[in-house]
C-alpha atoms as a PDB file:
ATOM      1  CA  UNK A   1     -14.279 -12.054  -5.872  1.00  0.00           C
ATOM      2  CA  UNK A   2     -12.846 -12.596  -2.623  1.00  0.00           C
ATOM      3  CA  UNK A   3     -14.462 -10.390   0.236  1.00  0.00           C
ATOM      4  CA  UNK A   4     -13.602  -9.640   3.558  1.00  0.00           C
ATOM      5  CA  UNK A   5     -15.834  -9.020   6.551  1.00  0.00           C
ATOM      6  CA  UNK A   6     -14.958  -5.238   6.171  1.00  0.00           C
ATOM      7  CA  UNK A   7     -15.453  -5.136   2.360  1.00  0.00           C
ATOM      8  CA  UNK A   8     -18.885  -5.829   1.053  1.00  0.00           C
ATOM      9  CA  UNK A   9     -19.173  -8.402  -2.026  1.00  0.00           C
ATOM     10  CA  UNK A  10     -21.180  -5.546  -4.069  1.00  0.00           C
ATOM     11  CA  UNK A  11     -18.378  -3.122  -3.828  1.00  0.00           C
ATOM     12  CA  UNK A  12     -15.039  -3.155  -5.756  1.00  0.00           C
ATOM     13  CA  UNK A  13     -12.075  -4.269  -3.841  1.00  0.00           C
ATOM     14  CA  UNK A  14      -9.915  -1.215  -2.980  1.00  0.00           C
ATOM     15  CA  UNK A  15      -6.868  -3.190  -1.936  1.00  0.00           C
ATOM     16  CA  UNK A  16      -5.260  -3.670  -5.344  1.00  0.00           C
ATOM     17  CA  UNK A  17      -5.689  -0.176  -6.277  1.00  0.00           C
ATOM     18  CA  UNK A  18      -3.824   0.962  -3.388  1.00  0.00           C
ATOM     19  CA  UNK A  19      -1.343  -1.428  -3.762  1.00  0.00           C
ATOM     20  CA  UNK A  20      -0.954  -0.479  -7.467  1.00  0.00           C
ATOM     21  CA  UNK A  21      -0.626   3.274  -6.328  1.00  0.00           C
ATOM     22  CA  UNK A  22       2.066   2.403  -3.690  1.00  0.00           C
ATOM     23  CA  UNK A  23       4.128   0.415  -6.299  1.00  0.00           C
ATOM     24  CA  UNK A  24       3.640   3.373  -9.134  1.00  0.00           C
ATOM     25  CA  UNK A  25       5.129   5.774  -6.265  1.00  0.00           C
ATOM     26  CA  UNK A  26       8.164   3.393  -5.765  1.00  0.00           C
ATOM     27  CA  UNK A  27       8.700   2.778  -9.632  1.00  0.00           C
ATOM     28  CA  UNK A  28      11.718   4.894  -9.847  1.00  0.00           C
ATOM     29  CA  UNK A  29      15.445   3.824  -9.080  1.00  0.00           C
ATOM     30  CA  UNK A  30      15.833   7.128  -7.172  1.00  0.00           C
ATOM     31  CA  UNK A  31      12.660   6.831  -5.055  1.00  0.00           C
ATOM     32  CA  UNK A  32      13.917   3.332  -4.323  1.00  0.00           C
ATOM     33  CA  UNK A  33      17.249   4.752  -3.180  1.00  0.00           C
ATOM     34  CA  UNK A  34      15.490   7.399  -1.078  1.00  0.00           C
ATOM     35  CA  UNK A  35      13.303   4.641   0.655  1.00  0.00           C
ATOM     36  CA  UNK A  36      16.476   2.586   1.230  1.00  0.00           C
ATOM     37  CA  UNK A  37      18.566   5.571   2.587  1.00  0.00           C
ATOM     38  CA  UNK A  38      15.500   6.489   4.852  1.00  0.00           C
ATOM     39  CA  UNK A  39      15.189   2.975   6.190  1.00  0.00           C
ATOM     40  CA  UNK A  40      18.069   3.744   8.635  1.00  0.00           C
ATOM     41  CA  UNK A  41      16.152   6.560  10.083  1.00  0.00           C
ATOM     42  CA  UNK A  42      15.411  10.416   9.054  1.00  0.00           C
ATOM     43  CA  UNK A  43      17.605  12.159   6.802  1.00  0.00           C
ATOM     44  CA  UNK A  44      17.928  15.534   5.385  1.00  0.00           C
ATOM     45  CA  UNK A  45      17.858  16.419   1.631  1.00  0.00           C
ATOM     46  CA  UNK A  46      21.832  17.124   1.552  1.00  0.00           C
ATOM     47  CA  UNK A  47      22.599  13.530   3.151  1.00  0.00           C
ATOM     48  CA  UNK A  48      20.384  11.888   0.424  1.00  0.00           C
ATOM     49  CA  UNK A  49      21.973  13.580  -2.283  1.00  0.00           C
ATOM     50  CA  UNK A  50      25.415  12.595  -1.228  1.00  0.00           C
ATOM     51  CA  UNK A  51      24.262   9.126  -0.496  1.00  0.00           C
ATOM     52  CA  UNK A  52      22.543   8.702  -4.002  1.00  0.00           C
ATOM     53  CA  UNK A  53      25.106  10.926  -5.920  1.00  0.00           C
ATOM     54  CA  UNK A  54      22.234  12.730  -7.645  1.00  0.00           C
ATOM     55  CA  UNK A  55      21.500  16.543  -7.795  1.00  0.00           C
ATOM     56  CA  UNK A  56      19.435  18.238  -5.048  1.00  0.00           C
ATOM     57  CA  UNK A  57      16.555  19.148  -7.372  1.00  0.00           C
ATOM     58  CA  UNK A  58      16.223  15.669  -8.714  1.00  0.00           C
ATOM     59  CA  UNK A  59      16.227  14.302  -4.772  1.00  0.00           C
ATOM     60  CA  UNK A  60      13.582  16.987  -4.066  1.00  0.00           C
ATOM     61  CA  UNK A  61      11.327  16.260  -6.944  1.00  0.00           C
ATOM     62  CA  UNK A  62      11.259  12.518  -5.925  1.00  0.00           C
ATOM     63  CA  UNK A  63      10.821  13.289  -2.354  1.00  0.00           C
ATOM     64  CA  UNK A  64       7.539  15.336  -3.247  1.00  0.00           C
ATOM     65  CA  UNK A  65       6.109  12.355  -5.265  1.00  0.00           C
ATOM     66  CA  UNK A  66       6.963  10.365  -2.137  1.00  0.00           C
ATOM     67  CA  UNK A  67       5.477  12.870   0.158  1.00  0.00           C
ATOM     68  CA  UNK A  68       2.272  13.164  -1.943  1.00  0.00           C
ATOM     69  CA  UNK A  69       1.757   9.196  -1.830  1.00  0.00           C
ATOM     70  CA  UNK A  70       2.491   9.381   1.872  1.00  0.00           C
ATOM     71  CA  UNK A  71       5.398   7.317   1.880  1.00  0.00           C
ATOM     72  CA  UNK A  72       7.467   9.899   3.610  1.00  0.00           C
ATOM     73  CA  UNK A  73       7.049  12.901   5.978  1.00  0.00           C
ATOM     74  CA  UNK A  74       8.577  16.000   6.431  1.00  0.00           C
ATOM     75  CA  UNK A  75       9.520  17.826   9.366  1.00  0.00           C
ATOM     76  CA  UNK A  76      10.810  21.299   9.307  1.00  0.00           C
ATOM     77  CA  UNK A  77      14.236  21.832  11.573  1.00  0.00           C
ATOM     78  CA  UNK A  78      15.310  25.173  11.524  1.00  0.00           C
ATOM     79  CA  UNK A  79      16.574  25.812   8.145  1.00  0.00           C
ATOM     80  CA  UNK A  80      16.272  22.227   6.958  1.00  0.00           C
ATOM     81  CA  UNK A  81      13.758  19.754   6.246  1.00  0.00           C
ATOM     82  CA  UNK A  82      14.139  15.973   7.850  1.00  0.00           C
ATOM     83  CA  UNK A  83      12.402  13.440   5.902  1.00  0.00           C
ATOM     84  CA  UNK A  84      11.401  10.213   7.362  1.00  0.00           C
ATOM     85  CA  UNK A  85       9.232   6.964   6.494  1.00  0.00           C
ATOM     86  CA  UNK A  86       5.688   6.786   7.432  1.00  0.00           C
ATOM     87  CA  UNK A  87       5.622   3.104   7.501  1.00  0.00           C
ATOM     88  CA  UNK A  88       8.147   0.603   8.594  1.00  0.00           C
ATOM     89  CA  UNK A  89       6.825  -1.975   5.974  1.00  0.00           C
ATOM     90  CA  UNK A  90       7.899  -0.184   2.804  1.00  0.00           C
ATOM     91  CA  UNK A  91      11.596  -0.592   3.148  1.00  0.00           C
ATOM     92  CA  UNK A  92      10.944  -4.191   3.168  1.00  0.00           C
ATOM     93  CA  UNK A  93       9.322  -4.120   0.047  1.00  0.00           C
ATOM     94  CA  UNK A  94      11.996  -2.240  -1.711  1.00  0.00           C
ATOM     95  CA  UNK A  95      14.544  -4.382   0.147  1.00  0.00           C
ATOM     96  CA  UNK A  96      12.675  -7.577  -1.090  1.00  0.00           C
ATOM     97  CA  UNK A  97      12.666  -6.315  -4.628  1.00  0.00           C
ATOM     98  CA  UNK A  98      16.415  -5.575  -4.634  1.00  0.00           C
ATOM     99  CA  UNK A  99      17.053  -9.077  -3.258  1.00  0.00           C
ATOM    100  CA  UNK A 100      14.698 -10.589  -5.849  1.00  0.00           C
ATOM    101  CA  UNK A 101      16.689  -9.064  -8.836  1.00  0.00           C
ATOM    102  CA  UNK A 102      19.886 -10.015  -7.295  1.00  0.00           C
ATOM    103  CA  UNK A 103      19.023 -13.800  -7.347  1.00  0.00           C
END
C-alpha cells in the first residue's frame, strides 16, 4: 500500500473510492455531454436541451446526478437555473476520454 503524509498506513486510502465515485457520476453519454457543454461556461437547462438534442426531463435528471456528485452547481436566476461546473479539471477528464476513444 502506498501512503502519503496525510494518509496513515493503517487506514485505507480513500482516493480510489472517490475517483470511482467521480467516474460513476460521469458514466453516461448525456452527463458527458452536459459536462462538455458546460466546459465553456454556465448554461441554462434549455440551452443544454438544445445542444444535446434530448428532452428537458432527461437533462434535468442527469443534472440532478451531477449536482449530487458535486460536479455541477446550480444558481437560481429569476425563473431559470444556471448550471456551472464546480471544478475546471472535470472537463479535462471528459475531453481526454473522448479523444482517447477517437484514436
